[in-house]
Amino acid sequence: MRVVPLLLLTLAALPLFGQSNDVAVWAGSSSVGKTTLAGSDIRFDRGDAFGASFTHFFSHHYAAEIAAYDMRHDGTVRVQGVDVIGVGRLHMMSFGATLQWHAEHSRRIDPYLGGGLAWTRAGSLHTADLDNAGIGRVSIESRIGFTGLAGVSVGLVKQLAVAGEVRTIGYHPNSGPKSDQVRLELSPLLYSLGLRWRF
């Protein structure tokens, strides 16, 4: 009778032998959507994105990741194709958690997909142009949204790999005073290169 509990313990412990982790640093670019208003558009240029992530592998195929990204974009209000108001620099921080499927974590080349949730916050916008237009400082709310990613890792040595990744973050925050709010269609799309250390 002792064989059954022993067998169950052995089976429960098997996944632990496949477990591993990696930490990564990321750098790349980010683009955000255009917000269309009556007769004008709020646009932000392609910005810089930097991040860090920690991934825990439950097996060769399944993993969970937590990640943080910093993104910065300069924005304008454009009327009939002409920039008329500079809205300043949009600074966003996003913190996400995803579940991932990897083709084969133990192989040299490992394509992967993932999805989950991200909480994103943005700093307020404030420029002399906004003051002169009678708008003043514009606050932007924090929100939780879906995040998805696709990437591929290429092992250099046993513990070190490089990776390329595309990541989208769902972020459609309200901005401005409650009496006259504007919904910004941001939803950053990130293209990043990373260095992953496995342990």
Protein backbone atom coordinates (compact mmCIF):
# COMPACT_ATOMS: atom_id res chain seq x y z
CA MET A 1 0.00 0.00 0.00
CA ARG A 2 2.94 2.30 0.47
CA VAL A 3 3.65 2.10 -3.25
CA VAL A 4 0.60 4.21 -4.21
CA PRO A 5 1.46 7.30 -2.06
CA LEU A 6 5.08 7.01 -3.17
CA LEU A 7 4.04 6.86 -6.82
CA LEU A 8 1.74 9.88 -6.40
CA LEU A 9 4.52 11.89 -4.77
CA THR A 10 6.90 10.94 -7.56
CA LEU A 11 4.42 11.99 -10.26
CA ALA A 12 3.71 15.28 -8.47
CA ALA A 13 7.43 16.05 -8.26
CA LEU A 14 8.20 15.32 -11.92
CA PRO A 15 7.19 18.77 -13.22
CA LEU A 16 9.61 20.37 -10.77
CA PHE A 17 12.57 18.87 -12.62
CA GLY A 18 11.50 20.70 -15.78
CA GLN A 19 11.19 24.04 -14.07
CA SER A 20 13.55 26.88 -14.90
CA ASN A 21 13.55 30.67 -14.99
CA ASP A 22 14.92 33.50 -17.02
CA VAL A 23 15.28 37.22 -16.59
CA ALA A 24 15.51 39.55 -19.55
CA VAL A 25 16.13 43.18 -20.41
CA TRP A 26 14.46 44.70 -23.48
CA ALA A 27 14.95 47.75 -25.69
CA GLY A 28 13.06 48.82 -28.77
CA SER A 29 10.43 51.14 -30.17
CA SER A 30 6.77 51.74 -29.49
CA SER A 31 3.92 53.12 -31.58
CA VAL A 32 0.52 54.26 -30.31
CA GLY A 33 -2.79 54.90 -32.01
CA LYS A 34 -4.26 58.15 -33.29
CA THR A 35 -7.23 59.72 -31.47
CA THR A 36 -9.66 61.40 -33.86
CA LEU A 37 -11.78 64.31 -32.62
CA ALA A 38 -14.13 66.69 -34.39
CA GLY A 39 -11.87 68.39 -36.96
CA SER A 40 -8.59 67.35 -35.34
CA ASP A 41 -6.36 64.43 -34.38
CA ILE A 42 -4.19 63.76 -31.35
CA ARG A 43 -1.05 62.02 -32.58
CA PHE A 44 2.06 60.69 -30.90
CA ASP A 45 5.29 59.91 -32.70
CA ARG A 46 7.09 56.57 -32.59
CA GLY A 47 8.77 56.40 -29.21
CA ASP A 48 11.34 54.46 -27.23
CA ALA A 49 10.52 51.43 -25.11
CA PHE A 50 12.59 49.75 -22.41
CA GLY A 51 11.60 46.81 -20.24
CA ALA A 52 12.51 43.97 -17.95
CA SER A 53 10.84 40.60 -17.46
CA PHE A 54 10.95 37.49 -15.31
CA THR A 55 9.69 34.19 -16.74
CA HIS A 56 9.08 30.98 -14.82
CA PHE A 57 8.85 27.78 -16.87
CA PHE A 58 6.54 25.07 -15.55
CA SER A 59 7.65 22.75 -18.38
CA HIS A 60 9.39 22.95 -21.76
CA HIS A 61 6.19 24.40 -23.25
CA TYR A 62 4.36 26.41 -20.57
CA ALA A 63 5.49 29.47 -18.65
CA ALA A 64 4.28 32.52 -16.74
CA GLU A 65 5.86 35.95 -17.10
CA ILE A 66 5.75 39.25 -15.26
CA ALA A 67 7.11 42.27 -17.12
CA ALA A 68 7.43 46.03 -16.83
CA TYR A 69 7.86 48.47 -19.73
CA ASP A 70 8.63 52.18 -19.91
CA MET A 71 7.47 54.05 -23.06
CA ARG A 72 7.84 57.69 -24.10
CA HIS A 73 6.21 59.54 -27.02
CA ASP A 74 6.00 63.19 -28.09
CA GLY A 75 2.53 64.31 -29.13
CA THR A 76 0.70 67.04 -31.05
CA VAL A 77 -2.82 68.08 -31.95
CA ARG A 78 -3.08 68.16 -35.74
CA VAL A 79 -5.72 70.07 -37.69
CA GLN A 80 -6.06 69.39 -41.44
CA GLY A 81 -2.64 67.78 -41.50
CA VAL A 82 -0.88 70.64 -39.67
CA ASP A 83 0.50 70.39 -36.11
CA VAL A 84 -1.04 73.28 -34.17
CA ILE A 85 -0.61 72.38 -30.48
CA GLY A 86 2.26 70.52 -28.86
CA VAL A 87 0.91 68.39 -26.04
CA GLY A 88 4.30 67.34 -24.69
CA ARG A 89 5.78 63.98 -23.83
CA LEU A 90 3.56 61.04 -23.00
CA HIS A 91 5.29 58.82 -20.44
CA MET A 92 3.67 55.43 -19.88
CA MET A 93 4.57 52.58 -17.52
CA SER A 94 2.99 49.18 -18.03
CA PHE A 95 3.09 46.18 -15.71
CA GLY A 96 1.85 42.91 -17.16
CA ALA A 97 1.39 39.23 -16.36
CA THR A 98 1.09 36.66 -19.15
CA LEU A 99 0.79 32.94 -19.63
CA GLN A 100 2.96 31.67 -22.48
CA TRP A 101 3.27 28.68 -24.78
CA HIS A 102 6.79 27.90 -26.04
CA ALA A 103 7.55 25.57 -28.94
CA GLU A 104 10.44 24.05 -27.01
CA HIS A 105 12.19 26.00 -24.27
CA SER A 106 15.12 23.59 -24.13
CA ARG A 107 15.95 23.97 -27.84
CA ARG A 108 18.30 26.59 -29.29
CA ILE A 109 15.46 28.26 -31.24
CA ASP A 110 12.25 28.76 -29.28
CA PRO A 111 9.24 30.57 -30.83
CA TYR A 112 6.54 31.50 -28.32
CA LEU A 113 3.14 33.15 -27.86
CA GLY A 114 1.48 34.63 -24.81
CA GLY A 115 -1.47 36.55 -23.47
CA GLY A 116 -2.64 38.11 -20.22
CA LEU A 117 -3.42 41.40 -18.51
CA ALA A 118 -1.47 44.64 -18.08
CA TRP A 119 -2.00 47.64 -15.83
CA THR A 120 -0.82 50.84 -17.51
CA ARG A 121 -0.41 54.32 -16.10
CA ALA A 122 0.57 57.54 -17.82
CA GLY A 123 1.90 60.86 -16.58
CA SER A 124 -0.04 64.05 -17.24
CA LEU A 125 0.54 66.23 -20.32
CA HIS A 126 1.48 69.88 -19.87
CA THR A 127 2.98 72.44 -22.26
CA ALA A 128 2.86 76.19 -22.89
CA ASP A 129 0.74 75.44 -25.98
CA LEU A 130 -1.88 73.71 -23.82
CA ASP A 131 -1.88 76.66 -21.39
CA ASN A 132 -2.24 79.19 -24.23
CA ALA A 133 -5.14 77.18 -25.68
CA GLY A 134 -6.91 77.35 -22.31
CA ILE A 135 -6.61 73.60 -21.75
CA GLY A 136 -3.89 73.49 -19.11
CA ARG A 137 -2.57 70.28 -17.62
CA VAL A 138 -4.18 67.10 -18.95
CA SER A 139 -4.36 64.10 -16.63
CA ILE A 140 -4.64 60.56 -18.02
CA GLU A 141 -6.23 57.70 -16.11
CA SER A 142 -4.66 54.33 -15.38
CA ARG A 143 -6.35 51.23 -16.79
CA ILE A 144 -6.13 47.46 -16.98
CA GLY A 145 -6.31 45.85 -20.41
CA PHE A 146 -5.39 42.78 -22.42
CA THR A 147 -1.80 42.23 -23.48
CA GLY A 148 -0.51 39.78 -26.08
CA LEU A 149 2.91 38.89 -27.44
CA ALA A 150 4.77 36.81 -29.99
CA GLY A 151 8.50 36.25 -30.03
CA VAL A 152 11.42 33.97 -30.65
CA SER A 153 14.50 33.25 -28.52
CA VAL A 154 17.80 32.08 -29.96
CA GLY A 155 20.27 30.50 -27.56
CA LEU A 156 23.86 31.74 -27.68
CA VAL A 157 25.21 29.53 -24.91
CA LYS A 158 23.45 27.35 -22.34
CA GLN A 159 22.42 30.22 -20.06
CA LEU A 160 22.25 33.14 -22.48
CA ALA A 161 19.86 33.88 -25.36
CA VAL A 162 18.81 36.80 -27.53
CA ALA A 163 15.17 37.36 -28.39
CA GLY A 164 12.96 39.41 -30.65
CA GLU A 165 9.42 40.20 -29.59
CA VAL A 166 6.26 42.01 -30.64
CA ARG A 167 3.92 42.97 -27.80
CA THR A 168 0.60 44.79 -27.76
CA ILE A 169 -0.90 46.48 -24.69
CA GLY A 170 -4.58 47.37 -24.62
CA TYR A 171 -4.80 50.92 -23.22
CA HIS A 172 -7.73 53.25 -23.96
CA PRO A 173 -7.69 55.77 -21.10
CA ASN A 174 -9.93 58.77 -20.51
CA SER A 175 -8.09 62.08 -20.27
CA GLY A 176 -8.87 65.62 -19.20
CA PRO A 177 -11.49 66.95 -16.76
CA LYS A 178 -14.57 64.83 -15.99
CA SER A 179 -16.82 67.43 -17.59
CA ASP A 180 -15.05 67.18 -20.96
CA GLN A 181 -13.17 63.89 -21.17
CA VAL A 182 -11.42 62.55 -24.27
CA ARG A 183 -10.86 58.82 -24.73
CA LEU A 184 -7.33 58.32 -26.03
CA GLU A 185 -6.81 55.41 -28.43
CA LEU A 186 -3.25 54.56 -27.42
CA SER A 187 -2.80 50.75 -27.13
CA PRO A 188 1.00 50.66 -27.55
CA LEU A 189 2.59 48.22 -29.99
CA LEU A 190 6.16 47.37 -28.98
CA TYR A 191 8.97 45.93 -31.10
CA SER A 192 11.81 44.84 -28.83
CA LEU A 193 15.12 43.04 -28.79
CA GLY A 194 16.11 41.38 -25.54
CA LEU A 195 18.90 39.57 -23.77
CA ARG A 196 17.70 36.62 -21.69
CA TRP A 197 19.65 34.94 -18.90
CA ARG A 198 18.45 31.45 -17.96
CA PHE A 199 18.91 29.88 -14.54
